[in-house]
Structures are given as structure tokens and as C-alpha cells.
Amino acid sequence: MPFLVLRNAFRHKLRTTLTMVGIVVAIVAFGLLRTIVDAWYAGSEASSSARLITRSSISLVFFLPLNYAQKIRQVDGVKSVSWMNWFGGIYITEANFFPQFAVDAPTFLGMYPEYRLDEAERKAFLLDRGGAVAGRKLADKYGWKVGDRIPLRGTIFPGTWTFTLRAIYDGADNKVDETQFFFHWDYLNETVKARFPRRADLVGLYVVEIRDPAQAAEISQRIDATFRNSLAETLSETEKAFQLGFVAMTEAILIAIEAVSFVIILIIMAVMANTMAMTARERYSEYATLKAIGFSNGFVALLIFAESLGIALAGGAIGIALTFPIADWFAGQMGTLFPVFFVSPDTVAMQVGAALVVGVVAALIPAWRAAHVRIVDGLRAVA
């Protein structure tokens, strides 16, 4: 039977080849679109349940006083506190965008064990007030090496700021963002204090490590209650909720991408169904002959299902294999827009499932008609 199915599938080589090409394109497009959706959620998926983010209750653009750190440490359930400011500098040209943060280095690195640094480089960074840390992908993109001087033109904080790259971190796994740039908050604050005194001792947001992730909601409420009715009220939430807040801003785009990914599968399903319908019509006389010599209706239907699944799975396998290099190329073109971009096992499973569904659904009607064609009518179709 396998030999018969293979011969039938390539009886019309051009039709089968074009159908497979369509399936390959559809599976690649489906996988790439699903990977884009995954990349959008990558930040929230990589977040820790043991970390909270405390920011201004009005907006992220409003700062909080530095002395909030000590009060947050005293809240029951809090293990440690760190803080950071978004820097927003420009490296050479505006096109070279990447996340830049001024952080309280000792506490920050202790909270993020997923950022793996060489111990000697970690010590060098902590000892150098003008030092910086960059992710591996970011360093590779610009050809940076430890010891290089990196100038950034400030937008939020005017002037040219030059940092010495003291360490390059690697992610603990492929979900960790390796396109970020960190430097000392103290260095930023001291410079701002000298140039713009009113903007000194202000924090963009606090990162709060808690002892029991199950009490995240209660601890968040305690922190916010501490600063209620103050001049700078706070909003505390889990790190994942904070990241999802950014995703929510582009939710309409994500819904559109997901819809397009499934529409692509529906279109190729219709194409495949048309191919199998044409194939079955052309072979009614052959199916009638098989039934006349004793083969069952189920055997005839199985032939069509096997041929349809064979074409769909072959195209699907090629499409899946091509998804990986195309995704790598796409990630390279996007730069830091998608810092975490890889084809996940779930996406591959969905691609396999899509190919199976296309193969089965496309064969349903042709198989039913072929199985129920009367022997007399089928033999009459011999012209």
C-alpha cells in the first residue's frame, strides 16, 4: 500500500509539487508569525514570581524619591530592594536602539541570577563607577569587547556619557534578554546632582525581591499602603504583570497576527482540498475497479487519506525545517526589536498539528465520495 500511495501522489508531479510548495510556504509563515507572538510575550515569560516592580501610580515617566528604598525594605515580606532609571541614550545614530538602565549594581545583580557574569568581570564592574555591563547579543552586534569605551548621547539626561565595558553577561537560558546595557546608578546620580540638582536622588522604579511569591499581592498592597496620600504614591505589581502591561499596549496587533496565522492555514487547507477533490474525481473508475475485485470502501477511503496526509506531512516537514534558518535571519534583521526570538517546541508542535489537520480535512469529502461511488457509475466514467 505505501508504494501505491507514493505512485498515486506523484502521478501528476506538477500539481503535487505546487501543492507541497504552498504547504511549505504556509507552514513557514505560520511558524514565523507564532514565533513573533512568542517573542512579544518573552519578557513576561522570563520574569520571576519572586520580584515585584514598584513605580509611580501616575505613570512611568514620573520619578520616585530615593528614600523610598529604606521604607520598602521595612515592609513585611520584603527580602531586598534595588532600583533603576531608564537612560535612553543614543549610540552613534538613533537606529542603534537598545535598552539602557542605570542600576544599583550590588543589589541588582544579586536579584537577577539569570544574568551570568564571569566573576572577575563582575568584580571589575562593581569597582568601576564608570563601568558598564552588556548582554552577549548586544556586544556581538556592535563588536564590543571588555575594556572598550562606549559613548552614549543622552536624551533624558543631556550630554555625552562614556562608559567602560567591564563585563558581558550570558543568559541562563534562551529566554533571557541579552541585548541590555547596565551601568551604575550612583554614577548617573552624582553627575545629575552636579548638573541638574533638582533631578538628583530620584528613581524610575524599584525592584523588590520578596520572600514568598505566594504573598506577592499582599506585599504589593502593603508597599502601596506605605506611600498612600503621599506626594508620590506608588503602584506595585509582579514583574510579569509589569511586562504584560507593555504587551497590552499592542494587543490589537497581536490579535491581528494570530488571526493571520490561522487564516493562512485555512487558505492552504482549501487549496489542498481542491487538489484532493480533483485527484479523486480523476480516479473514480480505478476506485470502482478496486471495489469490483473485492476491496472494501474503507480501503478506498484510506488510500485518499494516506495520499493527502503524505503530501501535507512532507510539505510540513520541509516547512518546519526551513522555519529555523528563516527565523534566525528574521531575528538578525529586527536587531533589538525582538531581543528573545527563537522557534519554541510549542510552535513546532502547532506546525505539525496544522499539517495533520490540513491533510485530514482536505481528504474528508473526496474520501467519502470515492468510498460511496457505485461500481456501475465508476466504471461508466471510463471514457
Protein backbone atom coordinates (compact mmCIF):
# COMPACT_ATOMS: atom_id res chain seq x y z
CA MET A 1 0.00 0.00 0.00
CA PRO A 2 2.77 2.59 0.76
CA PHE A 3 4.16 2.09 -2.74
CA LEU A 4 0.70 2.56 -4.26
CA VAL A 5 0.12 5.75 -2.26
CA LEU A 6 3.52 7.13 -3.33
CA ARG A 7 2.83 6.38 -7.01
CA ASN A 8 -0.59 7.99 -6.79
CA ALA A 9 0.75 11.08 -5.05
CA PHE A 10 3.24 11.81 -7.82
CA ARG A 11 1.12 10.73 -10.75
CA HIS A 12 0.65 14.45 -11.50
CA LYS A 13 4.07 15.72 -10.48
CA LEU A 14 3.45 19.41 -11.19
CA ARG A 15 0.17 19.52 -9.25
CA THR A 16 1.66 17.69 -6.28
CA THR A 17 4.81 19.82 -6.30
CA LEU A 18 2.87 23.09 -6.39
CA THR A 19 0.59 21.89 -3.59
CA MET A 20 3.59 20.96 -1.45
CA VAL A 21 5.21 24.34 -2.14
CA GLY A 22 2.01 26.01 -0.94
CA ILE A 23 2.04 23.92 2.24
CA VAL A 24 5.73 24.72 2.84
CA VAL A 25 5.09 28.45 2.50
CA ALA A 26 2.02 28.26 4.75
CA ILE A 27 3.80 26.26 7.47
CA VAL A 28 6.82 28.59 7.43
CA ALA A 29 4.60 31.68 7.59
CA PHE A 30 2.51 30.13 10.37
CA GLY A 31 5.62 29.23 12.40
CA LEU A 32 7.20 32.65 11.90
CA LEU A 33 4.04 34.50 12.95
CA ARG A 34 3.62 32.31 16.03
CA THR A 35 7.28 32.95 16.92
CA ILE A 36 6.69 36.70 16.67
CA VAL A 37 3.78 36.36 19.11
CA ASP A 38 6.01 34.34 21.46
CA ALA A 39 8.73 37.00 21.21
CA TRP A 40 6.23 39.66 22.24
CA TYR A 41 5.50 37.72 25.42
CA ALA A 42 9.12 36.71 26.05
CA GLY A 43 9.73 39.38 28.69
CA SER A 44 6.78 38.30 30.81
CA GLU A 45 7.58 34.60 30.39
CA ALA A 46 11.14 35.14 31.63
CA SER A 47 10.06 37.20 34.65
CA SER A 48 10.42 35.94 38.20
CA SER A 49 7.49 35.38 40.56
CA ALA A 50 9.76 36.47 43.44
CA ARG A 51 10.21 40.02 42.12
CA LEU A 52 7.86 42.99 42.28
CA ILE A 53 8.05 46.29 40.44
CA THR A 54 7.14 49.47 42.33
CA ARG A 55 6.65 52.61 40.28
CA SER A 56 4.72 55.87 40.33
CA SER A 57 0.96 55.29 40.42
CA ILE A 58 0.51 58.06 37.84
CA SER A 59 2.89 56.97 35.09
CA LEU A 60 6.32 55.52 34.43
CA VAL A 61 7.57 58.96 33.41
CA PHE A 62 7.21 60.22 36.99
CA PHE A 63 10.08 59.54 39.38
CA LEU A 64 10.06 58.34 42.99
CA PRO A 65 12.28 59.63 45.82
CA LEU A 66 15.40 57.60 46.63
CA ASN A 67 14.47 57.48 50.33
CA TYR A 68 11.55 55.16 49.48
CA ALA A 69 14.09 52.32 49.34
CA GLN A 70 14.56 52.23 53.11
CA LYS A 71 10.81 52.30 53.75
CA ILE A 72 10.19 49.47 51.27
CA ARG A 73 12.86 47.34 52.98
CA GLN A 74 10.89 47.62 56.23
CA VAL A 75 7.71 46.21 54.71
CA ASP A 76 6.90 42.73 55.99
CA GLY A 77 7.78 40.05 53.43
CA VAL A 78 10.39 42.09 51.55
CA LYS A 79 13.80 40.44 51.18
CA SER A 80 15.76 43.10 49.32
CA VAL A 81 15.30 46.26 47.26
CA SER A 82 17.05 47.62 44.19
CA TRP A 83 16.30 50.49 41.83
CA MET A 84 16.92 51.66 38.29
CA ASN A 85 16.41 54.51 35.84
CA TRP A 86 15.77 54.26 32.13
CA PHE A 87 18.61 56.13 30.40
CA GLY A 88 17.54 56.38 26.77
CA GLY A 89 20.92 57.24 25.24
CA ILE A 90 21.88 57.12 21.56
CA TYR A 91 24.85 55.05 20.38
CA ILE A 92 26.25 56.71 17.21
CA THR A 93 22.82 57.01 15.48
CA GLU A 94 19.16 56.79 16.52
CA ALA A 95 18.88 53.49 14.62
CA ASN A 96 21.10 51.78 17.22
CA PHE A 97 18.39 51.36 19.84
CA PHE A 98 18.86 49.06 22.83
CA PRO A 99 17.62 49.08 26.45
CA GLN A 100 19.89 51.03 28.81
CA PHE A 101 19.44 51.18 32.57
CA ALA A 102 21.25 52.87 35.42
CA VAL A 103 21.03 50.32 38.25
CA ASP A 104 22.11 49.95 41.85
CA ALA A 105 24.67 47.35 40.81
CA PRO A 106 25.28 45.31 44.02
CA THR A 107 21.60 44.74 44.80
CA PHE A 108 20.50 44.47 41.17
CA LEU A 109 22.93 41.71 40.17
CA GLY A 110 22.01 39.79 43.29
CA MET A 111 18.35 39.80 42.25
CA TYR A 112 18.98 38.61 38.70
CA PRO A 113 20.94 35.34 38.85
CA GLU A 114 19.81 34.62 35.28
CA TYR A 115 22.43 37.16 34.14
CA ARG A 116 25.59 35.06 34.18
CA LEU A 117 28.84 37.03 34.55
CA ASP A 118 32.44 35.93 34.85
CA GLU A 119 33.41 36.52 38.47
CA ALA A 120 36.47 38.62 37.59
CA GLU A 121 34.41 40.77 35.24
CA ARG A 122 31.69 41.16 37.88
CA LYS A 123 34.24 42.48 40.41
CA ALA A 124 35.75 44.83 37.81
CA PHE A 125 32.30 46.27 37.08
CA LEU A 126 31.42 46.74 40.74
CA LEU A 127 34.72 48.56 41.41
CA ASP A 128 34.49 50.90 38.40
CA ARG A 129 31.95 53.71 38.85
CA GLY A 130 32.09 54.42 35.14
CA GLY A 131 31.88 50.75 34.20
CA ALA A 132 29.08 49.02 32.31
CA VAL A 133 27.72 45.56 31.56
CA ALA A 134 26.30 44.49 28.20
CA GLY A 135 24.46 41.38 27.07
CA ARG A 136 26.23 38.91 24.80
CA LYS A 137 23.98 39.55 21.78
CA LEU A 138 24.41 43.30 22.12
CA ALA A 139 28.19 43.04 22.42
CA ASP A 140 28.39 40.71 19.42
CA LYS A 141 26.20 43.02 17.33
CA TYR A 142 28.49 46.03 17.79
CA GLY A 143 31.74 44.12 18.17
CA TRP A 144 32.29 45.27 21.74
CA LYS A 145 34.95 43.68 23.93
CA VAL A 146 35.67 44.03 27.62
CA GLY A 147 37.67 47.21 28.10
CA ASP A 148 36.10 49.12 25.19
CA ARG A 149 34.93 52.70 25.71
CA ILE A 150 31.28 53.17 24.75
CA PRO A 151 29.91 56.71 24.29
CA LEU A 152 26.15 57.34 24.62
CA ARG A 153 24.49 60.64 23.77
CA GLY A 154 21.90 61.34 26.43
CA THR A 155 18.32 62.30 25.59
CA ILE A 156 16.67 62.23 29.01
CA PHE A 157 19.97 63.16 30.64
CA PRO A 158 21.76 65.57 28.24
CA GLY A 159 25.42 65.30 27.36
CA THR A 160 27.79 62.62 26.14
CA TRP A 161 28.29 59.82 28.63
CA THR A 162 31.22 57.48 28.13
CA PHE A 163 31.32 54.08 29.82
CA THR A 164 33.99 51.39 30.01
CA LEU A 165 32.66 47.93 29.25
CA ARG A 166 33.73 45.83 32.22
CA ALA A 167 31.59 42.72 31.78
CA ILE A 168 29.49 40.82 29.25
CA TYR A 169 26.69 38.67 30.60
CA ASP A 170 25.16 35.50 29.17
CA GLY A 171 21.61 34.39 29.80
CA ALA A 172 20.95 31.32 31.91
CA ASP A 173 18.75 30.05 29.05
CA ASN A 174 17.48 31.22 25.66
CA LYS A 175 14.58 33.14 27.25
CA VAL A 176 16.89 35.71 28.87
CA ASP A 177 17.28 39.05 27.09
CA GLU A 178 20.93 39.51 26.10
CA THR A 179 20.51 42.92 24.44
CA GLN A 180 20.52 45.13 27.55
CA PHE A 181 23.09 47.62 28.82
CA PHE A 182 23.58 48.39 32.53
CA PHE A 183 25.72 50.94 34.36
CA HIS A 184 25.95 52.38 37.88
CA TRP A 185 23.05 54.46 39.14
CA ASP A 186 25.41 56.22 41.55
CA TYR A 187 27.48 57.49 38.62
CA LEU A 188 24.36 58.86 36.93
CA ASN A 189 23.05 60.43 40.14
CA GLU A 190 26.35 62.12 41.03
CA THR A 191 26.61 63.67 37.59
CA VAL A 192 22.98 64.77 37.57
CA LYS A 193 23.40 66.25 41.06
CA ALA A 194 26.24 68.41 39.78
CA ARG A 195 24.49 69.49 36.58
CA PHE A 196 20.78 69.43 37.45
CA PRO A 197 20.40 69.33 41.26
CA ARG A 198 16.60 69.18 41.19
CA ARG A 199 16.70 65.90 39.27
CA ALA A 200 19.03 64.15 41.69
CA ASP A 201 18.10 61.38 44.15
CA LEU A 202 15.16 60.29 42.01
CA VAL A 203 14.39 56.72 40.93
CA GLY A 204 12.48 55.48 37.90
CA LEU A 205 11.28 52.29 39.56
CA TYR A 206 12.11 49.92 42.39
CA VAL A 207 12.70 46.19 42.01
CA VAL A 208 11.58 44.38 45.14
CA GLU A 209 12.60 40.81 45.94
CA ILE A 210 10.11 39.05 48.22
CA ARG A 211 10.48 36.02 50.45
CA ASP A 212 7.27 34.22 49.48
CA PRO A 213 5.98 34.58 45.89
CA ALA A 214 2.58 33.32 47.06
CA GLN A 215 2.19 36.56 49.04
CA ALA A 216 3.00 38.87 46.12
CA ALA A 217 -0.44 40.52 46.12
CA GLU A 218 -0.44 41.14 49.88
CA ILE A 219 3.10 42.55 49.88
CA SER A 220 2.25 44.80 46.93
CA GLN A 221 -0.68 46.21 48.88
CA ARG A 222 1.50 46.80 51.95
CA ILE A 223 4.07 48.71 49.91
CA ASP A 224 1.44 50.91 48.25
CA ALA A 225 -0.28 51.49 51.61
CA THR A 226 3.02 52.80 52.99
CA PHE A 227 3.02 55.67 50.49
CA ARG A 228 -0.73 56.32 50.28
CA ASN A 229 -1.64 60.02 50.47
CA SER A 230 1.99 61.00 49.91
CA LEU A 231 3.17 63.35 47.16
CA ALA A 232 4.41 60.33 45.19
CA GLU A 233 2.02 57.40 45.57
CA THR A 234 3.14 54.04 44.22
CA LEU A 235 1.78 51.13 42.22
CA SER A 236 3.33 47.73 42.94
CA GLU A 237 2.78 44.61 40.86
CA THR A 238 4.55 41.41 39.93
CA GLU A 239 7.31 41.63 37.38
CA LYS A 240 5.19 39.56 34.98
CA ALA A 241 2.20 41.89 35.32
CA PHE A 242 4.52 44.85 34.72
CA GLN A 243 5.83 43.29 31.50
CA LEU A 244 2.33 42.34 30.34
CA GLY A 245 1.34 45.98 30.74
CA PHE A 246 3.61 46.82 27.79
CA VAL A 247 2.25 43.89 25.78
CA ALA A 248 -1.30 45.13 26.38
CA MET A 249 -0.45 48.36 24.56
CA THR A 250 -0.06 46.38 21.34
CA GLU A 251 -2.75 43.77 21.97
CA ALA A 252 -4.64 44.65 18.78
CA ILE A 253 -1.51 43.95 16.73
CA LEU A 254 -1.03 40.57 18.44
CA ILE A 255 -4.64 39.59 17.79
CA ALA A 256 -4.21 40.53 14.12
CA ILE A 257 -1.01 38.48 13.81
CA GLU A 258 -2.64 35.45 15.44
CA ALA A 259 -5.68 35.78 13.15
CA VAL A 260 -3.48 35.99 10.04
CA SER A 261 -1.54 32.87 11.11
CA PHE A 262 -4.74 30.82 11.22
CA VAL A 263 -6.14 32.36 8.02
CA ILE A 264 -3.01 31.16 6.21
CA ILE A 265 -3.72 27.59 7.34
CA LEU A 266 -7.36 27.86 6.23
CA ILE A 267 -6.30 29.07 2.79
CA ILE A 268 -3.83 26.23 2.24
CA MET A 269 -6.46 23.82 3.55
CA ALA A 270 -8.82 24.97 0.80
CA VAL A 271 -6.05 24.58 -1.80
CA MET A 272 -5.24 21.09 -0.56
CA ALA A 273 -8.92 20.11 -0.52
CA ASN A 274 -9.26 21.22 -4.14
CA THR A 275 -6.21 19.17 -5.10
CA MET A 276 -7.58 16.02 -3.45
CA ALA A 277 -11.03 16.57 -4.95
CA MET A 278 -9.53 16.75 -8.44
CA THR A 279 -7.44 13.68 -7.73
CA ALA A 280 -10.42 11.65 -6.53
CA ARG A 281 -12.63 12.63 -9.49
CA GLU A 282 -9.98 11.52 -11.97
CA ARG A 283 -9.76 8.06 -10.33
CA TYR A 284 -13.40 7.11 -9.81
CA SER A 285 -13.05 4.34 -12.40
CA GLU A 286 -9.98 2.98 -10.59
CA TYR A 287 -11.76 3.02 -7.24
CA ALA A 288 -14.74 1.26 -8.81
CA THR A 289 -12.44 -1.41 -10.23
CA LEU A 290 -10.80 -1.94 -6.82
CA LYS A 291 -14.22 -2.38 -5.24
CA ALA A 292 -15.31 -4.73 -8.05
CA ILE A 293 -12.42 -7.10 -7.34
CA GLY A 294 -13.17 -7.15 -3.61
CA PHE A 295 -11.51 -4.19 -1.91
CA SER A 296 -13.66 -2.51 0.72
CA ASN A 297 -14.95 1.06 0.86
CA GLY A 298 -12.65 1.67 3.83
CA PHE A 299 -9.59 0.68 1.80
CA VAL A 300 -10.51 3.14 -0.95
CA ALA A 301 -11.02 5.94 1.60
CA LEU A 302 -7.75 5.02 3.29
CA LEU A 303 -5.87 5.43 0.01
CA ILE A 304 -7.06 9.01 -0.30
CA PHE A 305 -6.41 9.83 3.34
CA ALA A 306 -2.91 8.35 3.15
CA GLU A 307 -2.10 10.34 -0.01
CA SER A 308 -3.43 13.59 1.47
CA LEU A 309 -1.59 13.11 4.77
CA GLY A 310 1.61 12.14 2.96
CA ILE A 311 1.62 15.32 0.89
CA ALA A 312 0.67 17.52 3.87
CA LEU A 313 3.25 15.99 6.23
CA ALA A 314 6.01 16.08 3.63
CA GLY A 315 5.33 19.75 2.97
CA GLY A 316 5.00 20.36 6.70
CA ALA A 317 8.35 18.69 7.44
CA ILE A 318 10.13 20.82 4.85
CA GLY A 319 8.36 23.92 6.18
CA ILE A 320 9.38 23.19 9.75
CA ALA A 321 12.99 22.60 8.72
CA LEU A 322 13.04 25.93 6.87
CA THR A 323 11.43 27.82 9.75
CA PHE A 324 14.59 27.71 11.88
CA PRO A 325 17.04 29.39 9.44
CA ILE A 326 14.38 31.87 8.31
CA ALA A 327 13.61 32.76 11.95
CA ASP A 328 17.35 33.28 12.61
CA TRP A 329 17.60 35.55 9.57
CA PHE A 330 14.49 37.48 10.61
CA ALA A 331 15.82 37.97 14.15
CA GLY A 332 19.05 39.36 12.71
CA GLN A 333 17.12 41.84 10.57
CA MET A 334 15.00 43.00 13.52
CA GLY A 335 18.01 43.78 15.71
CA THR A 336 16.98 44.53 19.30
CA LEU A 337 13.27 44.85 18.50
CA PHE A 338 12.89 41.18 19.43
CA PRO A 339 15.70 40.51 21.93
CA VAL A 340 14.44 36.96 22.55
CA PHE A 341 13.47 35.29 19.28
CA PHE A 342 13.56 31.53 18.77
CA VAL A 343 11.26 28.82 17.46
CA SER A 344 9.84 27.08 20.52
CA PRO A 345 8.86 23.41 20.78
CA ASP A 346 5.24 24.53 21.18
CA THR A 347 5.42 26.32 17.82
CA VAL A 348 6.85 23.21 16.14
CA ALA A 349 4.06 21.13 17.69
CA MET A 350 1.49 23.58 16.33
CA GLN A 351 3.08 23.37 12.87
CA VAL A 352 2.87 19.56 12.95
CA GLY A 353 -0.72 19.80 14.13
CA ALA A 354 -1.57 22.27 11.37
CA ALA A 355 -0.10 19.94 8.71
CA LEU A 356 -2.07 17.00 10.11
CA VAL A 357 -5.31 18.97 10.18
CA VAL A 358 -4.78 20.16 6.59
CA GLY A 359 -4.13 16.61 5.42
CA VAL A 360 -7.15 15.11 7.21
CA VAL A 361 -9.68 17.85 6.45
CA ALA A 362 -8.66 18.07 2.78
CA ALA A 363 -9.33 14.35 2.33
CA LEU A 364 -12.67 14.09 4.15
CA ILE A 365 -15.10 14.87 1.31
CA PRO A 366 -13.05 13.26 -1.53
CA ALA A 367 -12.61 10.08 0.55
CA TRP A 368 -16.31 9.88 1.43
CA ARG A 369 -17.34 10.33 -2.20
CA ALA A 370 -14.83 7.78 -3.50
CA ALA A 371 -15.83 5.24 -0.86
CA HIS A 372 -19.52 5.60 -1.74
CA VAL A 373 -19.23 5.71 -5.53
CA ARG A 374 -21.22 2.88 -7.07
CA ILE A 375 -19.26 0.36 -9.10
CA VAL A 376 -21.50 0.87 -12.14
CA ASP A 377 -21.15 4.66 -12.03
CA GLY A 378 -17.42 4.44 -11.51
CA LEU A 379 -16.86 2.07 -14.43
CA ARG A 380 -19.12 4.23 -16.59
CA ALA A 381 -16.65 7.07 -16.02
CA VAL A 382 -14.10 5.24 -18.17
CA ALA A 383 -14.11 7.34 -21.33
